[in-house]
Structure formats: structure tokens, C-alpha cells
Amino acid sequence: TNIGDFAILGANFNTPGRWATGDVNYDGSVNIGDFSLLAANFNLSAGDAMARGAVPEPASLSLLALAGMGLARRRRA
């Protein structure tokens, strides 16, 4: 995401849109929601976004921990 993406968004702000015209959240219009997403990802590449998305959620880690404890308890019995 770079300044060019903001230029596209600004040129199409408050209009019906699609990805190419700045509708990055796919809600059918170019608005503040799209601006917020661009701002949150400014100067990041697709690889950067993927790296951030690879972190497991705390809930997933909790479920794995519970499953591990259950397996450990089962082996002792």
C-alpha cells in the first residue's frame, strides 16, 4: 500500500466502487472504511500482511493447550 493507492481512493471517494477504484473492503462504495484499511496497511507489502496474519489467535493457543493437557493426562492413566 502506497501513496498511489490513496490517490485512487481520493479520486473515487463517496462513489460506488470496486477494488480497482479503491473499494478495498468490498462493501460496494469507496468510503471511510476503505481509507481506514489503507491507512492501517500503509507502506506494507502483501508479504508483510501475510506475515502478520500467520500469528495464531490466543483462543487457538488455548484450545491446543487444553488438548495437550488432556493427552498428557490420558497417557499417565
PDB file of N, CA and C in Angstrom:
ATOM      1  N   THR A   1       0.848  -1.167   0.000  1.00  0.00           N
ATOM      2  CA  THR A   1       0.000   0.000   0.000  1.00  0.00           C
ATOM      3  C   THR A   1       0.897   1.234   0.000  1.00  0.00           C
ATOM      4  N   ASN A   2       0.627   2.152  -0.915  1.00  0.00           N
ATOM      5  CA  ASN A   2       1.454   3.350  -1.001  1.00  0.00           C
ATOM      6  C   ASN A   2       0.587   4.560  -1.330  1.00  0.00           C
ATOM      7  N   ILE A   3       1.238   5.667  -1.578  1.00  0.00           N
ATOM      8  CA  ILE A   3       0.522   6.925  -1.833  1.00  0.00           C
ATOM      9  C   ILE A   3      -0.351   6.841  -3.086  1.00  0.00           C
ATOM     10  N   GLY A   4       0.036   6.010  -4.043  1.00  0.00           N
ATOM     11  CA  GLY A   4      -0.776   5.828  -5.244  1.00  0.00           C
ATOM     12  C   GLY A   4      -2.142   5.247  -4.930  1.00  0.00           C
ATOM     13  N   ASP A   5      -2.188   4.346  -3.959  1.00  0.00           N
ATOM     14  CA  ASP A   5      -3.469   3.766  -3.551  1.00  0.00           C
ATOM     15  C   ASP A   5      -4.377   4.821  -2.919  1.00  0.00           C
ATOM     16  N   PHE A   6      -3.777   5.723  -2.142  1.00  0.00           N
ATOM     17  CA  PHE A   6      -4.564   6.812  -1.554  1.00  0.00           C
ATOM     18  C   PHE A   6      -5.060   7.772  -2.632  1.00  0.00           C
ATOM     19  N   ALA A   7      -4.266   7.982  -3.677  1.00  0.00           N
ATOM     20  CA  ALA A   7      -4.695   8.853  -4.776  1.00  0.00           C
ATOM     21  C   ALA A   7      -5.911   8.257  -5.483  1.00  0.00           C
ATOM     22  N   ILE A   8      -5.882   6.955  -5.717  1.00  0.00           N
ATOM     23  CA  ILE A   8      -7.023   6.281  -6.349  1.00  0.00           C
ATOM     24  C   ILE A   8      -8.252   6.380  -5.459  1.00  0.00           C
ATOM     25  N   LEU A   9      -8.071   6.137  -4.172  1.00  0.00           N
ATOM     26  CA  LEU A   9      -9.187   6.220  -3.239  1.00  0.00           C
ATOM     27  C   LEU A   9      -9.749   7.638  -3.195  1.00  0.00           C
ATOM     28  N   GLY A  10      -8.870   8.631  -3.124  1.00  0.00           N
ATOM     29  CA  GLY A  10      -9.321  10.021  -3.063  1.00  0.00           C
ATOM     30  C   GLY A  10     -10.082  10.451  -4.304  1.00  0.00           C
ATOM     31  N   ALA A  11      -9.658   9.979  -5.462  1.00  0.00           N
ATOM     32  CA  ALA A  11     -10.331  10.343  -6.711  1.00  0.00           C
ATOM     33  C   ALA A  11     -11.719   9.725  -6.810  1.00  0.00           C
ATOM     34  N   ASN A  12     -11.956   8.659  -6.079  1.00  0.00           N
ATOM     35  CA  ASN A  12     -13.238   7.951  -6.162  1.00  0.00           C
ATOM     36  C   ASN A  12     -14.024   7.964  -4.858  1.00  0.00           C
ATOM     37  N   PHE A  13     -13.644   8.822  -3.912  1.00  0.00           N
ATOM     38  CA  PHE A  13     -14.268   8.835  -2.595  1.00  0.00           C
ATOM     39  C   PHE A  13     -15.750   9.162  -2.684  1.00  0.00           C
ATOM     40  N   ASN A  14     -16.555   8.462  -1.891  1.00  0.00           N
ATOM     41  CA  ASN A  14     -18.016   8.618  -1.837  1.00  0.00           C
ATOM     42  C   ASN A  14     -18.701   8.296  -3.155  1.00  0.00           C
ATOM     43  N   THR A  15     -18.183   7.320  -3.873  1.00  0.00           N
ATOM     44  CA  THR A  15     -18.811   6.845  -5.106  1.00  0.00           C
ATOM     45  C   THR A  15     -18.965   5.331  -5.009  1.00  0.00           C
ATOM     46  N   PRO A  16     -19.868   4.757  -5.810  1.00  0.00           N
ATOM     47  CA  PRO A  16     -19.914   3.298  -5.873  1.00  0.00           C
ATOM     48  C   PRO A  16     -18.565   2.798  -6.375  1.00  0.00           C
ATOM     49  N   GLY A  17     -18.108   1.679  -5.868  1.00  0.00           N
ATOM     50  CA  GLY A  17     -16.774   1.271  -6.267  1.00  0.00           C
ATOM     51  C   GLY A  17     -16.558  -0.212  -6.347  1.00  0.00           C
ATOM     52  N   ARG A  18     -15.375  -0.535  -6.799  1.00  0.00           N
ATOM     53  CA  ARG A  18     -14.868  -1.895  -6.829  1.00  0.00           C
ATOM     54  C   ARG A  18     -13.394  -1.819  -6.453  1.00  0.00           C
ATOM     55  N   TRP A  19     -12.707  -2.939  -6.396  1.00  0.00           N
ATOM     56  CA  TRP A  19     -11.318  -2.975  -5.931  1.00  0.00           C
ATOM     57  C   TRP A  19     -10.442  -1.960  -6.675  1.00  0.00           C
ATOM     58  N   ALA A  20     -10.540  -1.908  -7.981  1.00  0.00           N
ATOM     59  CA  ALA A  20      -9.674  -1.045  -8.789  1.00  0.00           C
ATOM     60  C   ALA A  20      -9.905   0.442  -8.533  1.00  0.00           C
ATOM     61  N   THR A  21     -11.069   0.795  -8.005  1.00  0.00           N
ATOM     62  CA  THR A  21     -11.350   2.207  -7.746  1.00  0.00           C
ATOM     63  C   THR A  21     -11.248   2.569  -6.270  1.00  0.00           C
ATOM     64  N   GLY A  22     -10.744   1.642  -5.446  1.00  0.00           N
ATOM     65  CA  GLY A  22     -10.493   1.958  -4.045  1.00  0.00           C
ATOM     66  C   GLY A  22     -11.400   1.295  -3.036  1.00  0.00           C
ATOM     67  N   ASP A  23     -12.313   0.432  -3.482  1.00  0.00           N
ATOM     68  CA  ASP A  23     -13.202  -0.264  -2.540  1.00  0.00           C
ATOM     69  C   ASP A  23     -12.487  -1.498  -2.003  1.00  0.00           C
ATOM     70  N   VAL A  24     -11.593  -1.298  -1.045  1.00  0.00           N
ATOM     71  CA  VAL A  24     -10.760  -2.399  -0.562  1.00  0.00           C
ATOM     72  C   VAL A  24     -11.467  -3.307   0.439  1.00  0.00           C
ATOM     73  N   ASN A  25     -12.607  -2.889   0.984  1.00  0.00           N
ATOM     74  CA  ASN A  25     -13.345  -3.765   1.897  1.00  0.00           C
ATOM     75  C   ASN A  25     -14.567  -4.397   1.229  1.00  0.00           C
ATOM     76  N   TYR A  26     -14.711  -4.201  -0.070  1.00  0.00           N
ATOM     77  CA  TYR A  26     -15.761  -4.838  -0.883  1.00  0.00           C
ATOM     78  C   TYR A  26     -17.180  -4.569  -0.394  1.00  0.00           C
ATOM     79  N   ASP A  27     -17.440  -3.368   0.126  1.00  0.00           N
ATOM     80  CA  ASP A  27     -18.808  -3.061   0.543  1.00  0.00           C
ATOM     81  C   ASP A  27     -19.599  -2.349  -0.548  1.00  0.00           C
ATOM     82  N   GLY A  28     -19.002  -2.155  -1.716  1.00  0.00           N
ATOM     83  CA  GLY A  28     -19.706  -1.554  -2.842  1.00  0.00           C
ATOM     84  C   GLY A  28     -19.558  -0.058  -2.960  1.00  0.00           C
ATOM     85  N   SER A  29     -18.882   0.585  -2.014  1.00  0.00           N
ATOM     86  CA  SER A  29     -18.658   2.023  -2.107  1.00  0.00           C
ATOM     87  C   SER A  29     -17.283   2.370  -1.549  1.00  0.00           C
ATOM     88  N   VAL A  30     -16.736   3.452  -2.058  1.00  0.00           N
ATOM     89  CA  VAL A  30     -15.434   3.937  -1.596  1.00  0.00           C
ATOM     90  C   VAL A  30     -15.716   4.949  -0.496  1.00  0.00           C
ATOM     91  N   ASN A  31     -15.339   4.620   0.739  1.00  0.00           N
ATOM     92  CA  ASN A  31     -15.700   5.464   1.873  1.00  0.00           C
ATOM     93  C   ASN A  31     -14.625   5.410   2.960  1.00  0.00           C
ATOM     94  N   ILE A  32     -14.961   5.880   4.145  1.00  0.00           N
ATOM     95  CA  ILE A  32     -14.002   5.968   5.248  1.00  0.00           C
ATOM     96  C   ILE A  32     -13.506   4.588   5.686  1.00  0.00           C
ATOM     97  N   GLY A  33     -14.319   3.567   5.517  1.00  0.00           N
ATOM     98  CA  GLY A  33     -13.881   2.214   5.842  1.00  0.00           C
ATOM     99  C   GLY A  33     -12.693   1.787   4.988  1.00  0.00           C
ATOM    100  N   ASP A  34     -12.744   2.133   3.718  1.00  0.00           N
ATOM    101  CA  ASP A  34     -11.631   1.819   2.820  1.00  0.00           C
ATOM    102  C   ASP A  34     -10.400   2.635   3.190  1.00  0.00           C
ATOM    103  N   PHE A  35     -10.617   3.894   3.531  1.00  0.00           N
ATOM    104  CA  PHE A  35      -9.500   4.746   3.952  1.00  0.00           C
ATOM    105  C   PHE A  35      -8.823   4.170   5.194  1.00  0.00           C
ATOM    106  N   SER A  36      -9.619   3.711   6.147  1.00  0.00           N
ATOM    107  CA  SER A  36      -9.063   3.144   7.381  1.00  0.00           C
ATOM    108  C   SER A  36      -8.216   1.909   7.098  1.00  0.00           C
ATOM    109  N   LEU A  37      -8.691   1.050   6.201  1.00  0.00           N
ATOM    110  CA  LEU A  37      -7.919  -0.141   5.854  1.00  0.00           C
ATOM    111  C   LEU A  37      -6.611   0.221   5.166  1.00  0.00           C
ATOM    112  N   LEU A  38      -6.665   1.188   4.254  1.00  0.00           N
ATOM    113  CA  LEU A  38      -5.427   1.609   3.592  1.00  0.00           C
ATOM    114  C   LEU A  38      -4.461   2.223   4.592  1.00  0.00           C
ATOM    115  N   ALA A  39      -4.972   3.048   5.481  1.00  0.00           N
ATOM    116  CA  ALA A  39      -4.101   3.694   6.469  1.00  0.00           C
ATOM    117  C   ALA A  39      -3.450   2.658   7.384  1.00  0.00           C
ATOM    118  N   ALA A  40      -4.191   1.634   7.769  1.00  0.00           N
ATOM    119  CA  ALA A  40      -3.653   0.606   8.659  1.00  0.00           C
ATOM    120  C   ALA A  40      -2.563  -0.223   7.987  1.00  0.00           C
ATOM    121  N   ASN A  41      -2.587  -0.280   6.663  1.00  0.00           N
ATOM    122  CA  ASN A  41      -1.621  -1.095   5.927  1.00  0.00           C
ATOM    123  C   ASN A  41      -0.652  -0.267   5.101  1.00  0.00           C
ATOM    124  N   PHE A  42      -0.545   1.021   5.396  1.00  0.00           N
ATOM    125  CA  PHE A  42       0.319   1.904   4.611  1.00  0.00           C
ATOM    126  C   PHE A  42       1.769   1.442   4.673  1.00  0.00           C
ATOM    127  N   ASN A  43       2.405   1.423   3.534  1.00  0.00           N
ATOM    128  CA  ASN A  43       3.807   1.014   3.353  1.00  0.00           C
ATOM    129  C   ASN A  43       4.061  -0.458   3.666  1.00  0.00           C
ATOM    130  N   LEU A  44       3.041  -1.281   3.667  1.00  0.00           N
ATOM    131  CA  LEU A  44       3.216  -2.725   3.827  1.00  0.00           C
ATOM    132  C   LEU A  44       3.013  -3.399   2.481  1.00  0.00           C
ATOM    133  N   SER A  45       3.750  -4.444   2.231  1.00  0.00           N
ATOM    134  CA  SER A  45       3.557  -5.227   1.018  1.00  0.00           C
ATOM    135  C   SER A  45       2.635  -6.398   1.335  1.00  0.00           C
ATOM    136  N   ALA A  46       2.268  -7.157   0.311  1.00  0.00           N
ATOM    137  CA  ALA A  46       1.415  -8.323   0.535  1.00  0.00           C
ATOM    138  C   ALA A  46       2.108  -9.318   1.458  1.00  0.00           C
ATOM    139  N   GLY A  47       3.405  -9.461   1.346  1.00  0.00           N
ATOM    140  CA  GLY A  47       4.155 -10.359   2.223  1.00  0.00           C
ATOM    141  C   GLY A  47       4.096  -9.923   3.672  1.00  0.00           C
ATOM    142  N   ASP A  48       4.140  -8.615   3.919  1.00  0.00           N
ATOM    143  CA  ASP A  48       4.041  -8.103   5.285  1.00  0.00           C
ATOM    144  C   ASP A  48       2.686  -8.434   5.887  1.00  0.00           C
ATOM    145  N   ALA A  49       1.645  -8.274   5.094  1.00  0.00           N
ATOM    146  CA  ALA A  49       0.300  -8.564   5.580  1.00  0.00           C
ATOM    147  C   ALA A  49       0.152 -10.054   5.871  1.00  0.00           C
ATOM    148  N   MET A  50       0.751 -10.899   5.037  1.00  0.00           N
ATOM    149  CA  MET A  50       0.684 -12.337   5.265  1.00  0.00           C
ATOM    150  C   MET A  50       1.441 -12.719   6.536  1.00  0.00           C
ATOM    151  N   ALA A  51       2.565 -12.080   6.778  1.00  0.00           N
ATOM    152  CA  ALA A  51       3.346 -12.393   7.976  1.00  0.00           C
ATOM    153  C   ALA A  51       2.562 -12.033   9.232  1.00  0.00           C
ATOM    154  N   ARG A  52       1.845 -10.921   9.196  1.00  0.00           N
ATOM    155  CA  ARG A  52       1.042 -10.539  10.358  1.00  0.00           C
ATOM    156  C   ARG A  52      -0.111 -11.500  10.558  1.00  0.00           C
ATOM    157  N   GLY A  53      -0.664 -12.033   9.477  1.00  0.00           N
ATOM    158  CA  GLY A  53      -1.796 -12.935   9.571  1.00  0.00           C
ATOM    159  C   GLY A  53      -1.426 -14.337  10.024  1.00  0.00           C
ATOM    160  N   ALA A  54      -0.145 -14.671  10.066  1.00  0.00           N
ATOM    161  CA  ALA A  54       0.282 -16.021  10.404  1.00  0.00           C
ATOM    162  C   ALA A  54       0.341 -16.272  11.909  1.00  0.00           C
ATOM    163  N   VAL A  55       0.109 -15.275  12.713  1.00  0.00           N
ATOM    164  CA  VAL A  55       0.162 -15.437  14.166  1.00  0.00           C
ATOM    165  C   VAL A  55      -1.143 -16.068  14.639  1.00  0.00           C
ATOM    166  N   PRO A  56      -1.072 -17.196  15.359  1.00  0.00           N
ATOM    167  CA  PRO A  56      -2.306 -17.835  15.819  1.00  0.00           C
ATOM    168  C   PRO A  56      -3.040 -16.983  16.852  1.00  0.00           C
ATOM    169  N   GLU A  57      -4.337 -17.116  16.863  1.00  0.00           N
ATOM    170  CA  GLU A  57      -5.147 -16.383  17.826  1.00  0.00           C
ATOM    171  C   GLU A  57      -4.927 -16.960  19.225  1.00  0.00           C
ATOM    172  N   PRO A  58      -5.097 -16.146  20.256  1.00  0.00           N
ATOM    173  CA  PRO A  58      -4.972 -16.663  21.623  1.00  0.00           C
ATOM    174  C   PRO A  58      -5.960 -17.791  21.909  1.00  0.00           C
ATOM    175  N   ALA A  59      -7.144 -17.719  21.337  1.00  0.00           N
ATOM    176  CA  ALA A  59      -8.137 -18.773  21.564  1.00  0.00           C
ATOM    177  C   ALA A  59      -7.647 -20.103  20.996  1.00  0.00           C
ATOM    178  N   SER A  60      -7.003 -20.065  19.843  1.00  0.00           N
ATOM    179  CA  SER A  60      -6.467 -21.289  19.245  1.00  0.00           C
ATOM    180  C   SER A  60      -5.374 -21.873  20.118  1.00  0.00           C
ATOM    181  N   LEU A  61      -4.519 -21.012  20.639  1.00  0.00           N
ATOM    182  CA  LEU A  61      -3.461 -21.486  21.525  1.00  0.00           C
ATOM    183  C   LEU A  61      -4.038 -22.114  22.787  1.00  0.00           C
ATOM    184  N   SER A  62      -5.102 -21.536  23.305  1.00  0.00           N
ATOM    185  CA  SER A  62      -5.749 -22.090  24.498  1.00  0.00           C
ATOM    186  C   SER A  62      -6.321 -23.473  24.219  1.00  0.00           C
ATOM    187  N   LEU A  63      -6.953 -23.628  23.061  1.00  0.00           N
ATOM    188  CA  LEU A  63      -7.507 -24.933  22.706  1.00  0.00           C
ATOM    189  C   LEU A  63      -6.407 -25.975  22.550  1.00  0.00           C
ATOM    190  N   LEU A  64      -5.296 -25.592  21.941  1.00  0.00           N
ATOM    191  CA  LEU A  64      -4.173 -26.521  21.808  1.00  0.00           C
ATOM    192  C   LEU A  64      -3.612 -26.912  23.171  1.00  0.00           C
ATOM    193  N   ALA A  65      -3.521 -25.954  24.074  1.00  0.00           N
ATOM    194  CA  ALA A  65      -3.015 -26.243  25.417  1.00  0.00           C
ATOM    195  C   ALA A  65      -3.947 -27.206  26.149  1.00  0.00           C
ATOM    196  N   LEU A  66      -5.253 -26.982  26.050  1.00  0.00           N
ATOM    197  CA  LEU A  66      -6.214 -27.883  26.693  1.00  0.00           C
ATOM    198  C   LEU A  66      -6.133 -29.288  26.111  1.00  0.00           C
ATOM    199  N   ALA A  67      -6.006 -29.377  24.801  1.00  0.00           N
ATOM    200  CA  ALA A  67      -5.891 -30.690  24.156  1.00  0.00           C
ATOM    201  C   ALA A  67      -4.617 -31.389  24.605  1.00  0.00           C
ATOM    202  N   GLY A  68      -3.529 -30.646  24.690  1.00  0.00           N
ATOM    203  CA  GLY A  68      -2.263 -31.227  25.142  1.00  0.00           C
ATOM    204  C   GLY A  68      -2.344 -31.730  26.570  1.00  0.00           C
ATOM    205  N   MET A  69      -3.005 -30.970  27.431  1.00  0.00           N
ATOM    206  CA  MET A  69      -3.162 -31.403  28.823  1.00  0.00           C
ATOM    207  C   MET A  69      -4.008 -32.667  28.897  1.00  0.00           C
ATOM    208  N   GLY A  70      -5.039 -32.738  28.075  1.00  0.00           N
ATOM    209  CA  GLY A  70      -5.883 -33.928  28.051  1.00  0.00           C
ATOM    210  C   GLY A  70      -5.115 -35.154  27.585  1.00  0.00           C
ATOM    211  N   LEU A  71      -4.282 -34.984  26.572  1.00  0.00           N
ATOM    212  CA  LEU A  71      -3.472 -36.104  26.092  1.00  0.00           C
ATOM    213  C   LEU A  71      -2.450 -36.531  27.130  1.00  0.00           C
ATOM    214  N   ALA A  72      -1.831 -35.578  27.798  1.00  0.00           N
ATOM    215  CA  ALA A  72      -0.839 -35.901  28.826  1.00  0.00           C
ATOM    216  C   ALA A  72      -1.491 -36.649  29.981  1.00  0.00           C
ATOM    217  N   ARG A  73      -2.659 -36.233  30.382  1.00  0.00           N
ATOM    218  CA  ARG A  73      -3.376 -36.888  31.484  1.00  0.00           C
ATOM    219  C   ARG A  73      -3.789 -38.301  31.079  1.00  0.00           C
ATOM    220  N   ARG A  74      -4.191 -38.467  29.826  1.00  0.00           N
ATOM    221  CA  ARG A  74      -4.648 -39.768  29.341  1.00  0.00           C
ATOM    222  C   ARG A  74      -3.492 -40.774  29.314  1.00  0.00           C
ATOM    223  N   ARG A  75      -2.304 -40.328  28.955  1.00  0.00           N
ATOM    224  CA  ARG A  75      -1.146 -41.217  28.878  1.00  0.00           C
ATOM    225  C   ARG A  75      -0.712 -41.696  30.264  1.00  0.00           C
ATOM    226  N   ARG A  76      -0.883 -40.878  31.276  1.00  0.00           N
ATOM    227  CA  ARG A  76      -0.479 -41.245  32.641  1.00  0.00           C
ATOM    228  C   ARG A  76      -1.407 -42.289  33.248  1.00  0.00           C
ATOM    229  N   ALA A  77      -2.655 -42.262  32.836  1.00  0.00           N
ATOM    230  CA  ALA A  77      -3.650 -43.157  33.439  1.00  0.00           C
ATOM    231  C   ALA A  77      -3.514 -44.588  32.991  1.00  0.00           C
TER     232      ALA A  77
END
